[in-house]
Amino acid sequence: MKAHIPAAKLLPRAAKQAIREYDEELQAETFRRWVKLSAAVLHIEFGFGHDRVATFLGKISSAAENE
């Protein structure tokens, strides 16, 4: 049996766009947080200095942009 959503219950385009923008913002924020935590762990646990952490951040950023 297929479910049917009445047209009156569907979200308008503006609401869908707002939800999409919020989701993209949340994903970007989560990604930044994980990258920062990764950099901190590399520094604390493995002794990565400023230059190596900066290289790591640059490589991660370029990989994320190319994907």
N, C-alpha and C. Protein backbone atom coordinates (compact mmCIF):
# COMPACT_ATOMS: atom_id res chain seq x y z
N MET A 1 0.84 -1.17 0.00
CA MET A 1 0.00 0.00 0.00
C MET A 1 0.89 1.24 0.00
N LYS A 2 0.60 2.17 -0.88
CA LYS A 2 1.40 3.39 -0.99
C LYS A 2 0.78 4.50 -0.15
N ALA A 3 1.65 5.27 0.45
CA ALA A 3 1.19 6.41 1.25
C ALA A 3 0.99 7.61 0.34
N HIS A 4 0.00 8.36 0.63
CA HIS A 4 -0.29 9.58 -0.15
C HIS A 4 -0.30 10.76 0.81
N ILE A 5 0.46 11.79 0.46
CA ILE A 5 0.48 13.01 1.27
C ILE A 5 -0.38 14.05 0.55
N PRO A 6 -1.42 14.51 1.18
CA PRO A 6 -2.28 15.51 0.53
C PRO A 6 -1.50 16.80 0.27
N ALA A 7 -1.86 17.49 -0.78
CA ALA A 7 -1.17 18.73 -1.17
C ALA A 7 -1.21 19.77 -0.05
N ALA A 8 -2.25 19.76 0.76
CA ALA A 8 -2.37 20.73 1.84
C ALA A 8 -1.32 20.51 2.93
N LYS A 9 -0.77 19.30 3.02
CA LYS A 9 0.21 18.99 4.06
C LYS A 9 1.65 19.16 3.61
N LEU A 10 1.88 19.36 2.32
CA LEU A 10 3.24 19.54 1.79
C LEU A 10 3.81 20.89 2.22
N LEU A 11 5.11 20.93 2.36
CA LEU A 11 5.77 22.19 2.72
C LEU A 11 5.91 23.08 1.49
N PRO A 12 5.76 24.37 1.67
CA PRO A 12 5.97 25.29 0.55
C PRO A 12 7.47 25.35 0.19
N ARG A 13 7.74 25.84 -1.01
CA ARG A 13 9.14 25.91 -1.49
C ARG A 13 10.04 26.70 -0.55
N ALA A 14 9.54 27.79 -0.03
CA ALA A 14 10.36 28.63 0.86
C ALA A 14 10.76 27.86 2.11
N ALA A 15 9.84 27.08 2.65
CA ALA A 15 10.14 26.29 3.84
C ALA A 15 11.16 25.20 3.52
N LYS A 16 10.99 24.57 2.36
CA LYS A 16 11.95 23.53 1.95
C LYS A 16 13.34 24.13 1.77
N GLN A 17 13.42 25.32 1.17
CA GLN A 17 14.70 25.98 0.96
C GLN A 17 15.34 26.34 2.30
N ALA A 18 14.55 26.83 3.25
CA ALA A 18 15.08 27.18 4.57
C ALA A 18 15.61 25.94 5.27
N ILE A 19 14.92 24.84 5.15
CA ILE A 19 15.37 23.59 5.77
C ILE A 19 16.66 23.13 5.12
N ARG A 20 16.73 23.22 3.79
CA ARG A 20 17.94 22.81 3.07
C ARG A 20 19.14 23.66 3.50
N GLU A 21 18.95 24.98 3.61
CA GLU A 21 20.03 25.88 4.02
C GLU A 21 20.49 25.58 5.44
N TYR A 22 19.54 25.33 6.32
CA TYR A 22 19.88 25.00 7.71
C TYR A 22 20.67 23.70 7.76
N ASP A 23 20.26 22.70 6.99
CA ASP A 23 20.95 21.42 6.97
C ASP A 23 22.38 21.57 6.45
N GLU A 24 22.56 22.35 5.39
CA GLU A 24 23.90 22.58 4.84
C GLU A 24 24.79 23.29 5.85
N GLU A 25 24.22 24.28 6.54
CA GLU A 25 24.97 25.01 7.56
C GLU A 25 25.38 24.09 8.70
N LEU A 26 24.46 23.23 9.12
CA LEU A 26 24.75 22.30 10.20
C LEU A 26 25.82 21.30 9.80
N GLN A 27 25.77 20.82 8.57
CA GLN A 27 26.79 19.88 8.08
C GLN A 27 28.16 20.55 8.03
N ALA A 28 28.22 21.78 7.55
CA ALA A 28 29.48 22.51 7.47
C ALA A 28 30.05 22.75 8.87
N GLU A 29 29.19 23.10 9.81
CA GLU A 29 29.63 23.33 11.19
C GLU A 29 30.17 22.04 11.81
N THR A 30 29.50 20.93 11.56
CA THR A 30 29.94 19.64 12.09
C THR A 30 31.27 19.24 11.47
N PHE A 31 31.43 19.46 10.17
CA PHE A 31 32.68 19.14 9.50
C PHE A 31 33.83 19.95 10.09
N ARG A 32 33.62 21.26 10.26
CA ARG A 32 34.66 22.11 10.85
C ARG A 32 35.04 21.63 12.24
N ARG A 33 34.04 21.23 13.03
CA ARG A 33 34.32 20.76 14.39
C ARG A 33 35.17 19.50 14.38
N TRP A 34 34.84 18.55 13.51
CA TRP A 34 35.62 17.31 13.42
C TRP A 34 37.05 17.57 12.94
N VAL A 35 37.21 18.49 12.02
CA VAL A 35 38.56 18.80 11.54
C VAL A 35 39.37 19.45 12.64
N LYS A 36 38.78 20.36 13.40
CA LYS A 36 39.49 21.00 14.50
C LYS A 36 39.87 19.98 15.58
N LEU A 37 38.94 19.07 15.88
CA LEU A 37 39.25 18.03 16.87
C LEU A 37 40.37 17.12 16.37
N SER A 38 40.35 16.81 15.08
CA SER A 38 41.41 15.97 14.51
C SER A 38 42.76 16.66 14.63
N ALA A 39 42.79 17.95 14.34
CA ALA A 39 44.03 18.71 14.45
C ALA A 39 44.53 18.73 15.89
N ALA A 40 43.62 18.89 16.84
CA ALA A 40 44.01 18.90 18.26
C ALA A 40 44.58 17.54 18.67
N VAL A 41 43.96 16.47 18.23
CA VAL A 41 44.45 15.13 18.58
C VAL A 41 45.82 14.89 17.95
N LEU A 42 46.00 15.29 16.70
CA LEU A 42 47.30 15.14 16.06
C LEU A 42 48.38 15.89 16.84
N HIS A 43 48.05 17.06 17.33
CA HIS A 43 49.02 17.85 18.09
C HIS A 43 49.31 17.22 19.45
N ILE A 44 48.27 16.85 20.17
CA ILE A 44 48.45 16.34 21.54
C ILE A 44 49.04 14.93 21.55
N GLU A 45 48.47 14.04 20.77
CA GLU A 45 48.87 12.63 20.83
C GLU A 45 50.13 12.30 20.03
N PHE A 46 50.34 13.00 18.92
CA PHE A 46 51.43 12.62 18.03
C PHE A 46 52.49 13.71 17.87
N GLY A 47 52.32 14.80 18.60
CA GLY A 47 53.34 15.85 18.60
C GLY A 47 53.44 16.64 17.31
N PHE A 48 52.36 16.70 16.54
CA PHE A 48 52.40 17.50 15.32
C PHE A 48 52.53 18.96 15.71
N GLY A 49 53.46 19.65 15.06
CA GLY A 49 53.64 21.07 15.32
C GLY A 49 52.74 21.91 14.45
N HIS A 50 52.95 23.20 14.53
CA HIS A 50 52.13 24.16 13.80
C HIS A 50 52.13 23.89 12.30
N ASP A 51 53.32 23.68 11.73
CA ASP A 51 53.44 23.51 10.28
C ASP A 51 52.74 22.25 9.80
N ARG A 52 52.91 21.14 10.53
CA ARG A 52 52.29 19.89 10.10
C ARG A 52 50.77 19.93 10.25
N VAL A 53 50.29 20.57 11.30
CA VAL A 53 48.84 20.71 11.47
C VAL A 53 48.27 21.63 10.39
N ALA A 54 48.99 22.70 10.06
CA ALA A 54 48.53 23.60 9.00
C ALA A 54 48.48 22.87 7.66
N THR A 55 49.47 22.02 7.38
CA THR A 55 49.46 21.22 6.16
C THR A 55 48.27 20.28 6.15
N PHE A 56 48.00 19.64 7.28
CA PHE A 56 46.86 18.74 7.41
C PHE A 56 45.55 19.49 7.11
N LEU A 57 45.38 20.65 7.72
CA LEU A 57 44.16 21.43 7.51
C LEU A 57 44.01 21.86 6.05
N GLY A 58 45.12 22.23 5.43
CA GLY A 58 45.08 22.61 4.02
C GLY A 58 44.68 21.45 3.12
N LYS A 59 45.24 20.27 3.39
CA LYS A 59 44.91 19.08 2.58
C LYS A 59 43.45 18.68 2.77
N ILE A 60 42.95 18.72 4.00
CA ILE A 60 41.56 18.37 4.27
C ILE A 60 40.63 19.37 3.57
N SER A 61 40.95 20.65 3.64
CA SER A 61 40.10 21.67 3.02
C SER A 61 40.05 21.50 1.51
N SER A 62 41.20 21.26 0.90
CA SER A 62 41.21 21.10 -0.55
C SER A 62 40.49 19.81 -0.96
N ALA A 63 40.62 18.76 -0.19
CA ALA A 63 39.92 17.50 -0.50
C ALA A 63 38.41 17.69 -0.38
N ALA A 64 37.98 18.44 0.62
CA ALA A 64 36.54 18.68 0.81
C ALA A 64 35.97 19.54 -0.32
N GLU A 65 36.73 20.49 -0.81
CA GLU A 65 36.26 21.35 -1.88
C GLU A 65 36.19 20.59 -3.21
N ASN A 66 37.10 19.64 -3.42
CA ASN A 66 37.14 18.90 -4.67
C ASN A 66 36.12 17.79 -4.73
N GLU A 67 35.54 17.43 -3.62
CA GLU A 67 34.60 16.32 -3.60
C GLU A 67 33.26 16.66 -4.07
